[in-house]
C-alpha cells in the first residue's frame, strides 16, 4: 500500500479488480455461483491432497458427520451441480469468494476466483480455453508474461496402462503421481519388495490379501470405528481402511522388471516446451513398443489450440513429472507463477479432473476442467510485497 493511501480506497480497488475478473468469466459464458461456506467434510477428506487435508477447518456435527469450512471451491461447485437438474449436461460456472485453510503466517480466510467447466466432450478445446482464461487473471493484475508450468497426468496414466503391471500397482502409481518421493518409494518396492508392513501386521495383511474385498473393507472400517477412530492425518475412516487393504494386496503382487522401472525413469526425465516433449514421448513409445497415441494426440491438439489462441507455447515449461497436490486430477495440470519470484506459490492453478464426479457418487464420469486464482497473491504482487503461503 502506498504511504498515506486510505485503507478503504485500497481495499475497494482490490475488490474492484477481482470483481472485474469475475465479470470477465461471466461474459465468457461461465455463470456466477456462490456455494455454501459450510460443507460436508468427507468429500474433501477423501479427494483432496494431503496439503489441503491437513489444513482444513473441521467442525464436529451433532448428526455424526464432520463438516468443514470450504478449503476450495471446486468440490462445492461440483456437489451443487450434481444436486441440480443440470447434472450430466454441459455447464460452465465461475466464482469469487473466500476459502479457508490453516496457514502458518497468514489469515486462514482468503479470496479465490475461478471457473469450472463440466460436461464438454471437446476436451482439448476446453483445456485450451481454461488456460487462456487463467492468463486473463494475471493480466488483470498487471502481469502479462507469467511463467506457465504444465504437465499431463493422462500421459502417465496411459504409460502405466500400457505396461504389464498388476491392477493394484497401476492404481497405486496413479494415486502417488503427485507425490514424487512416495512414487520413487513405490517403484523401489516394486523392483525389490521389502517385508510388507510392521511384523505385528503381517498375519493380518496375509489373511486379508485373498479375502472378499467388500467384506474385508467392512471389517476394517468397523474395527476402526469401534476403536473410536474418525480421522488420521486428515484421512477418513473409509480412506484408512482402503489404504490398509491396499497394503495387503500390494504384498501379494509381482515385482517390476528393472527395464520397466528404467522406462518409467526415462518417461519422467522428459521436459521442455510441449512440442519438444511430445516428440520425445513419441520416440519413447516407439522404442518401448507402447501405445500412447491417444494421450499424445490430445497433448499435440491442445498445444495447437493454445498457439491459435495467442499463447506463446514455446515459453511453456512442460514436464512429464509435473503434477499438482490434489488427488482428483486426471489430465492436463498447469500453474502460473511470477517469473521474478516476488511472491510465494502459484498465482493461478488448475487442470482436468474427469474422474471427480464418479468419485462423488455420479453413475458415469463427467468431463471437467477448471482453475482457481489466488487473489491475495496477485494483490501482493502488485504491491511488491511477499504473498501469504
Protein backbone atom coordinates (compact mmCIF):
# COMPACT_ATOMS: atom_id res chain seq x y z
CA UNK A 1 0.00 0.00 0.00
CA UNK A 2 1.31 3.46 -0.91
CA UNK A 3 2.20 5.58 2.18
CA UNK A 4 -0.67 7.88 3.02
CA UNK A 5 -3.16 5.92 0.92
CA UNK A 6 -6.53 5.43 2.57
CA UNK A 7 -7.08 1.78 3.54
CA UNK A 8 -10.72 1.75 2.39
CA UNK A 9 -9.76 3.08 -1.04
CA UNK A 10 -7.05 0.42 -1.41
CA UNK A 11 -9.43 -2.35 -0.38
CA UNK A 12 -12.10 -1.11 -2.77
CA UNK A 13 -9.60 -1.07 -5.62
CA UNK A 14 -8.58 -4.67 -4.89
CA UNK A 15 -12.19 -5.78 -4.78
CA UNK A 16 -12.90 -3.92 -7.99
CA UNK A 17 -10.17 -5.81 -9.84
CA UNK A 18 -11.37 -9.14 -8.51
CA UNK A 19 -14.96 -8.29 -9.44
CA UNK A 20 -13.81 -7.20 -12.89
CA UNK A 21 -12.07 -10.55 -13.31
CA UNK A 22 -15.23 -12.42 -12.24
CA UNK A 23 -17.21 -10.33 -14.72
CA UNK A 24 -14.78 -11.38 -17.46
CA UNK A 25 -15.54 -15.02 -16.75
CA UNK A 26 -19.28 -14.35 -16.69
CA UNK A 27 -19.07 -12.67 -20.11
CA UNK A 28 -17.24 -15.75 -21.38
CA UNK A 29 -20.33 -17.80 -20.51
CA UNK A 30 -19.44 -19.02 -17.01
CA UNK A 31 -22.43 -18.46 -14.72
CA UNK A 32 -21.54 -16.93 -11.36
CA UNK A 33 -22.32 -19.23 -8.41
CA UNK A 34 -21.86 -18.97 -4.63
CA UNK A 35 -21.69 -22.39 -2.91
CA UNK A 36 -22.29 -22.62 0.84
CA UNK A 37 -19.29 -21.91 3.03
CA UNK A 38 -20.11 -24.81 5.39
CA UNK A 39 -19.60 -28.12 3.57
CA UNK A 40 -19.60 -31.86 4.35
CA UNK A 41 -16.02 -32.77 5.21
CA UNK A 42 -15.99 -36.29 3.76
CA UNK A 43 -15.55 -35.36 0.05
CA UNK A 44 -12.55 -33.16 0.88
CA UNK A 45 -11.00 -35.78 3.16
CA UNK A 46 -11.42 -38.45 0.50
CA UNK A 47 -10.49 -36.48 -2.61
CA UNK A 48 -8.22 -33.55 -1.73
CA UNK A 49 -4.45 -33.80 -1.50
CA UNK A 50 -2.55 -34.18 1.77
CA UNK A 51 -1.73 -30.47 1.91
CA UNK A 52 -5.38 -29.40 1.90
CA UNK A 53 -6.49 -32.21 4.25
CA UNK A 54 -4.07 -31.19 6.99
CA UNK A 55 -5.04 -27.51 6.70
CA UNK A 56 -8.82 -27.92 6.83
CA UNK A 57 -11.02 -26.38 9.50
CA UNK A 58 -13.11 -29.34 10.67
CA UNK A 59 -16.34 -28.85 12.64
CA UNK A 60 -17.99 -31.77 14.51
CA UNK A 61 -21.66 -32.16 13.64
CA UNK A 62 -24.29 -33.42 16.05
CA UNK A 63 -25.51 -35.81 13.36
CA UNK A 64 -22.19 -37.67 13.41
CA UNK A 65 -20.73 -36.43 10.11
CA UNK A 66 -17.98 -33.82 10.23
CA UNK A 67 -18.45 -30.50 8.48
CA UNK A 68 -15.76 -28.08 7.32
CA UNK A 69 -15.26 -24.55 6.13
CA UNK A 70 -14.76 -24.99 2.40
CA UNK A 71 -11.00 -25.26 1.69
CA UNK A 72 -11.55 -24.80 -2.04
CA UNK A 73 -14.46 -24.18 -4.40
CA UNK A 74 -14.13 -26.95 -6.99
CA UNK A 75 -15.77 -29.66 -4.89
CA UNK A 76 -18.60 -27.38 -3.61
CA UNK A 77 -19.40 -26.26 -7.17
CA UNK A 78 -19.35 -29.91 -8.30
CA UNK A 79 -21.66 -31.02 -5.46
CA UNK A 80 -24.16 -28.24 -6.22
CA UNK A 81 -24.08 -29.18 -9.90
CA UNK A 82 -24.78 -32.84 -9.10
CA UNK A 83 -27.75 -31.81 -6.94
CA UNK A 84 -29.21 -29.65 -9.73
CA UNK A 85 -31.40 -30.56 -12.74
CA UNK A 86 -28.39 -29.78 -14.97
CA UNK A 87 -26.38 -32.75 -13.63
CA UNK A 88 -24.82 -34.68 -16.50
CA UNK A 89 -25.33 -31.89 -19.03
CA UNK A 90 -22.69 -29.37 -20.15
CA UNK A 91 -22.48 -26.42 -17.76
CA UNK A 92 -19.99 -23.68 -17.00
CA UNK A 93 -19.59 -21.89 -13.68
CA UNK A 94 -17.47 -19.11 -12.21
CA UNK A 95 -17.00 -17.88 -8.65
CA UNK A 96 -15.38 -15.30 -6.43
CA UNK A 97 -15.40 -15.92 -2.71
CA UNK A 98 -13.47 -16.85 0.42
CA UNK A 99 -11.91 -20.24 1.11
CA UNK A 100 -10.50 -21.41 4.44
CA UNK A 101 -7.20 -23.18 5.12
CA UNK A 102 -4.87 -23.03 8.10
CA UNK A 103 -1.75 -21.10 7.08
CA UNK A 104 1.21 -20.64 9.42
CA UNK A 105 1.84 -16.92 8.92
CA UNK A 106 -1.30 -15.62 7.23
CA UNK A 107 -5.04 -15.42 7.59
CA UNK A 108 -6.89 -18.70 7.29
CA UNK A 109 -9.50 -16.96 5.14
CA UNK A 110 -8.51 -15.78 1.68
CA UNK A 111 -10.21 -14.93 -1.60
CA UNK A 112 -10.27 -17.13 -4.69
CA UNK A 113 -11.79 -16.63 -8.12
CA UNK A 114 -12.07 -19.32 -10.76
CA UNK A 115 -14.03 -21.32 -13.29
CA UNK A 116 -15.28 -24.88 -13.62
CA UNK A 117 -16.38 -26.38 -16.96
CA UNK A 118 -18.44 -29.59 -16.79
CA UNK A 119 -19.61 -31.98 -19.49
CA UNK A 120 -17.74 -30.70 -22.55
CA UNK A 121 -16.70 -33.52 -24.86
CA UNK A 122 -14.24 -31.34 -26.81
CA UNK A 123 -11.65 -31.79 -24.10
CA UNK A 124 -8.63 -30.26 -25.82
CA UNK A 125 -10.66 -27.16 -26.70
CA UNK A 126 -11.95 -26.87 -23.12
CA UNK A 127 -8.41 -27.25 -21.76
CA UNK A 128 -7.05 -24.54 -24.04
CA UNK A 129 -9.92 -22.22 -23.14
CA UNK A 130 -9.24 -22.72 -19.43
CA UNK A 131 -5.55 -21.84 -19.84
CA UNK A 132 -6.42 -18.74 -21.88
CA UNK A 133 -8.89 -17.58 -19.23
CA UNK A 134 -6.35 -18.25 -16.48
CA UNK A 135 -3.97 -15.88 -18.23
CA UNK A 136 -6.68 -13.22 -18.01
CA UNK A 137 -6.26 -13.24 -14.24
CA UNK A 138 -2.58 -12.31 -14.17
CA UNK A 139 -3.10 -9.75 -16.94
CA UNK A 140 -5.84 -8.13 -14.87
CA UNK A 141 -3.26 -7.52 -12.14
CA UNK A 142 -0.57 -6.25 -14.48
CA UNK A 143 1.45 -9.45 -15.09
CA UNK A 144 1.25 -10.13 -18.83
CA UNK A 145 4.04 -12.70 -19.01
CA UNK A 146 3.63 -15.21 -16.17
CA UNK A 147 5.72 -18.36 -16.05
CA UNK A 148 3.42 -21.15 -17.26
CA UNK A 149 4.22 -24.63 -15.94
CA UNK A 150 2.30 -27.55 -17.39
CA UNK A 151 2.05 -31.32 -17.24
CA UNK A 152 -0.45 -34.02 -18.17
CA UNK A 153 -1.34 -36.79 -15.72
CA UNK A 154 -3.15 -38.52 -18.59
CA UNK A 155 0.22 -39.28 -20.16
CA UNK A 156 1.41 -41.14 -17.05
CA UNK A 157 -1.94 -42.94 -16.83
CA UNK A 158 -1.51 -44.06 -20.45
CA UNK A 159 2.02 -45.23 -19.72
CA UNK A 160 1.18 -47.39 -16.72
CA UNK A 161 -1.90 -48.76 -18.52
CA UNK A 162 0.35 -49.90 -21.37
CA UNK A 163 2.84 -51.58 -19.02
CA UNK A 164 2.46 -55.12 -17.69
CA UNK A 165 1.52 -54.24 -14.11
CA UNK A 166 -0.95 -55.75 -11.63
CA UNK A 167 -4.08 -53.55 -11.33
CA UNK A 168 -3.31 -52.68 -7.71
CA UNK A 169 0.06 -51.23 -8.71
CA UNK A 170 -1.47 -49.24 -11.53
CA UNK A 171 -3.88 -47.68 -9.05
CA UNK A 172 -1.12 -47.03 -6.53
CA UNK A 173 1.27 -45.41 -9.02
CA UNK A 174 -1.51 -43.26 -10.47
CA UNK A 175 -2.55 -42.12 -6.99
CA UNK A 176 1.00 -41.27 -5.92
CA UNK A 177 1.94 -39.42 -9.11
CA UNK A 178 1.72 -36.01 -7.44
CA UNK A 179 3.97 -37.10 -4.54
CA UNK A 180 7.27 -37.78 -6.25
CA UNK A 181 9.13 -39.03 -3.16
CA UNK A 182 6.34 -41.51 -2.43
CA UNK A 183 6.25 -42.54 -6.08
CA UNK A 184 10.00 -43.21 -6.01
CA UNK A 185 9.48 -45.42 -2.96
CA UNK A 186 6.66 -47.24 -4.79
CA UNK A 187 9.00 -48.00 -7.70
CA UNK A 188 11.71 -49.24 -5.34
CA UNK A 189 9.23 -51.55 -3.62
CA UNK A 190 8.02 -52.83 -6.98
CA UNK A 191 11.55 -53.67 -8.08
CA UNK A 192 12.55 -55.37 -4.80
CA UNK A 193 9.59 -55.54 -2.41
CA UNK A 194 10.59 -55.49 1.27
CA UNK A 195 8.65 -57.13 4.05
CA UNK A 196 5.20 -55.56 3.84
CA UNK A 197 4.46 -53.55 6.96
CA UNK A 198 5.44 -53.91 10.63
CA UNK A 199 5.83 -57.52 11.86
CA UNK A 200 2.70 -57.32 14.00
CA UNK A 201 0.62 -56.66 10.88
CA UNK A 202 2.00 -59.46 8.72
CA UNK A 203 -0.55 -62.13 9.69
CA UNK A 204 -3.49 -59.77 9.28
CA UNK A 205 -2.26 -58.49 5.92
CA UNK A 206 -1.68 -62.02 4.64
CA UNK A 207 -5.17 -63.07 5.70
CA UNK A 208 -6.78 -60.07 4.03
CA UNK A 209 -4.84 -60.43 0.78
CA UNK A 210 -7.11 -63.19 -0.53
CA UNK A 211 -10.36 -62.18 1.17
CA UNK A 212 -13.54 -60.75 -0.32
CA UNK A 213 -12.73 -57.02 -0.86
CA UNK A 214 -16.12 -55.69 0.30
CA UNK A 215 -16.24 -57.87 3.39
CA UNK A 216 -12.62 -57.04 4.28
CA UNK A 217 -13.23 -53.31 3.94
CA UNK A 218 -16.37 -53.54 6.08
CA UNK A 219 -14.40 -55.43 8.75
CA UNK A 220 -11.54 -52.94 8.88
CA UNK A 221 -13.93 -49.97 8.86
CA UNK A 222 -15.92 -51.48 11.76
CA UNK A 223 -12.74 -52.13 13.76
CA UNK A 224 -11.59 -48.54 13.29
CA UNK A 225 -14.99 -47.23 14.33
CA UNK A 226 -15.05 -49.45 17.42
CA UNK A 227 -11.63 -48.03 18.34
CA UNK A 228 -13.13 -44.54 18.14
CA UNK A 229 -11.02 -43.50 15.14
CA UNK A 230 -12.67 -40.95 12.85
CA UNK A 231 -9.76 -39.33 11.01
CA UNK A 232 -5.98 -39.82 11.00
CA UNK A 233 -3.72 -37.30 9.28
CA UNK A 234 -6.73 -35.80 7.58
CA UNK A 235 -7.91 -39.17 6.20
CA UNK A 236 -11.39 -40.51 6.79
CA UNK A 237 -12.09 -43.97 8.23
CA UNK A 238 -13.01 -45.22 4.76
CA UNK A 239 -9.73 -43.94 3.31
CA UNK A 240 -7.73 -45.51 6.16
CA UNK A 241 -9.44 -48.86 5.60
CA UNK A 242 -8.84 -48.70 1.85
CA UNK A 243 -5.14 -47.96 2.37
CA UNK A 244 -4.75 -50.82 4.85
CA UNK A 245 -6.36 -53.27 2.42
CA UNK A 246 -4.20 -51.92 -0.38
CA UNK A 247 -1.14 -52.89 1.67
CA UNK A 248 -2.41 -56.44 1.79
CA UNK A 249 -2.91 -56.57 -1.98
CA UNK A 250 0.46 -54.95 -2.67
CA UNK A 251 2.18 -57.64 -0.66
CA UNK A 252 0.85 -60.33 -3.00
CA UNK A 253 1.84 -58.52 -6.21
CA UNK A 254 4.61 -59.42 -8.61
CA UNK A 255 7.87 -57.48 -8.81
CA UNK A 256 8.69 -55.00 -11.54
CA UNK A 257 11.44 -55.83 -14.06
CA UNK A 258 14.38 -53.43 -13.89
CA UNK A 259 13.95 -52.47 -17.54
CA UNK A 260 10.37 -51.38 -16.86
CA UNK A 261 11.49 -49.18 -13.99
CA UNK A 262 14.16 -47.69 -16.25
CA UNK A 263 11.48 -46.96 -18.83
CA UNK A 264 9.41 -45.09 -16.22
CA UNK A 265 12.55 -43.17 -15.28
CA UNK A 266 13.07 -42.16 -18.92
CA UNK A 267 9.46 -41.01 -19.08
CA UNK A 268 9.88 -38.72 -16.05
CA UNK A 269 13.08 -37.21 -17.48
CA UNK A 270 11.22 -35.67 -20.43
CA UNK A 271 10.77 -31.90 -20.22
CA UNK A 272 10.81 -28.84 -22.45
CA UNK A 273 8.15 -26.99 -24.39
CA UNK A 274 5.03 -29.07 -25.20
CA UNK A 275 6.02 -29.77 -28.81
CA UNK A 276 9.50 -30.96 -27.90
CA UNK A 277 8.09 -33.10 -25.08
CA UNK A 278 5.53 -34.69 -27.42
CA UNK A 279 8.26 -35.58 -29.91
CA UNK A 280 10.40 -37.14 -27.17
CA UNK A 281 7.42 -39.11 -25.87
CA UNK A 282 6.65 -40.47 -29.34
CA UNK A 283 10.26 -41.66 -29.63
CA UNK A 284 9.99 -43.32 -26.22
CA UNK A 285 6.74 -45.03 -27.16
CA UNK A 286 8.24 -46.31 -30.42
CA UNK A 287 11.39 -47.61 -28.71
CA UNK A 288 9.38 -49.40 -26.00
CA UNK A 289 6.58 -50.51 -28.35
CA UNK A 290 3.91 -48.84 -26.21
CA UNK A 291 0.64 -47.38 -27.44
CA UNK A 292 0.49 -43.79 -26.13
CA UNK A 293 -1.07 -42.40 -29.31
CA UNK A 294 -4.38 -41.15 -27.88
CA UNK A 295 -2.77 -39.25 -24.99
CA UNK A 296 -0.11 -37.77 -27.26
CA UNK A 297 -2.70 -36.73 -29.85
CA UNK A 298 -4.54 -34.82 -27.09
CA UNK A 299 -1.31 -33.11 -25.99
CA UNK A 300 -0.50 -32.01 -29.55
CA UNK A 301 -4.05 -30.87 -30.27
CA UNK A 302 -4.15 -28.81 -27.08
CA UNK A 303 -0.79 -27.24 -27.91
CA UNK A 304 -2.02 -26.23 -31.37
CA UNK A 305 -5.17 -24.70 -29.91
CA UNK A 306 -3.15 -22.71 -27.37
CA UNK A 307 -0.94 -21.36 -30.13
CA UNK A 308 -4.04 -20.42 -32.12
CA UNK A 309 -5.33 -18.53 -29.07
CA UNK A 310 -2.15 -16.45 -29.00
CA UNK A 311 -0.34 -18.27 -26.18
CA UNK A 312 3.43 -18.46 -26.60
CA UNK A 313 3.68 -22.26 -26.42
CA UNK A 314 7.47 -22.20 -26.84
CA UNK A 315 7.66 -20.47 -23.46
CA UNK A 316 5.58 -23.12 -21.65
CA UNK A 317 7.64 -25.23 -19.25
CA UNK A 318 6.16 -28.70 -19.83
CA UNK A 319 7.36 -31.69 -17.81
CA UNK A 320 6.03 -35.24 -17.62
CA UNK A 321 6.85 -35.26 -13.89
CA UNK A 322 4.87 -32.09 -13.16
CA UNK A 323 1.71 -32.56 -11.11
CA UNK A 324 -0.40 -30.78 -8.52
CA UNK A 325 -1.15 -31.80 -4.95
CA UNK A 326 -4.79 -32.79 -5.46
CA UNK A 327 -5.87 -36.40 -5.76
CA UNK A 328 -8.60 -35.90 -8.35
CA UNK A 329 -6.67 -34.60 -11.38
CA UNK A 330 -6.68 -36.89 -14.43
CA UNK A 331 -5.35 -34.84 -17.37
CA UNK A 332 -3.64 -31.53 -18.05
CA UNK A 333 -2.42 -29.61 -14.99
CA UNK A 334 -0.96 -26.12 -15.01
CA UNK A 335 0.23 -23.28 -12.79
CA UNK A 336 1.01 -19.63 -13.42
CA UNK A 337 3.86 -18.13 -11.39
CA UNK A 338 5.59 -14.80 -11.10
CA UNK A 339 8.75 -15.20 -13.23
CA UNK A 340 10.64 -12.84 -10.88
CA UNK A 341 9.70 -14.84 -7.77
CA UNK A 342 8.30 -11.84 -5.92
CA UNK A 343 5.53 -13.91 -4.31
CA UNK A 344 5.48 -17.43 -2.91
CA UNK A 345 3.36 -20.06 -4.58
CA UNK A 346 1.24 -20.24 -7.69
CA UNK A 347 -0.89 -17.28 -8.77
CA UNK A 348 -3.34 -19.43 -10.74
CA UNK A 349 -3.56 -23.21 -10.87
CA UNK A 350 -5.87 -25.84 -12.28
CA UNK A 351 -6.36 -28.77 -14.58
CA UNK A 352 -8.61 -31.57 -15.79
CA UNK A 353 -10.43 -33.87 -13.36
CA UNK A 354 -12.70 -36.20 -15.34
CA UNK A 355 -12.95 -38.77 -12.55
CA UNK A 356 -14.23 -36.47 -9.80
CA UNK A 357 -17.96 -36.90 -10.37
CA UNK A 358 -17.85 -40.68 -10.34
CA UNK A 359 -15.99 -40.48 -7.02
CA UNK A 360 -18.69 -38.13 -5.73
CA UNK A 361 -21.30 -40.79 -6.50
CA UNK A 362 -22.46 -40.00 -10.03
CA UNK A 363 -23.11 -43.11 -12.10
CA UNK A 364 -20.89 -42.03 -15.02
CA UNK A 365 -17.76 -39.89 -15.41
CA UNK A 366 -18.30 -36.28 -16.47
CA UNK A 367 -15.51 -34.40 -18.28
CA UNK A 368 -14.37 -31.42 -16.18
CA UNK A 369 -11.67 -28.78 -16.21
CA UNK A 370 -11.13 -25.62 -14.17
CA UNK A 371 -8.77 -23.45 -12.19
CA UNK A 372 -8.51 -21.22 -9.12
CA UNK A 373 -6.98 -17.76 -8.78
CA UNK A 374 -5.18 -16.67 -5.57
CA UNK A 375 -6.39 -13.07 -5.33
CA UNK A 376 -4.22 -12.23 -2.29
CA UNK A 377 -1.07 -13.28 -4.11
CA UNK A 378 -1.94 -11.19 -7.16
CA UNK A 379 -2.64 -8.20 -4.90
CA UNK A 380 0.69 -8.73 -3.11
CA UNK A 381 2.42 -8.94 -6.47
CA UNK A 382 1.06 -5.51 -7.37
CA UNK A 383 2.17 -4.11 -4.00
CA UNK A 384 5.66 -5.56 -4.35
CA UNK A 385 5.31 -7.48 -1.07
CA UNK A 386 5.72 -11.17 -0.20
CA UNK A 387 2.47 -13.09 -0.54
CA UNK A 388 0.87 -15.37 2.01
CA UNK A 389 1.50 -19.06 1.66
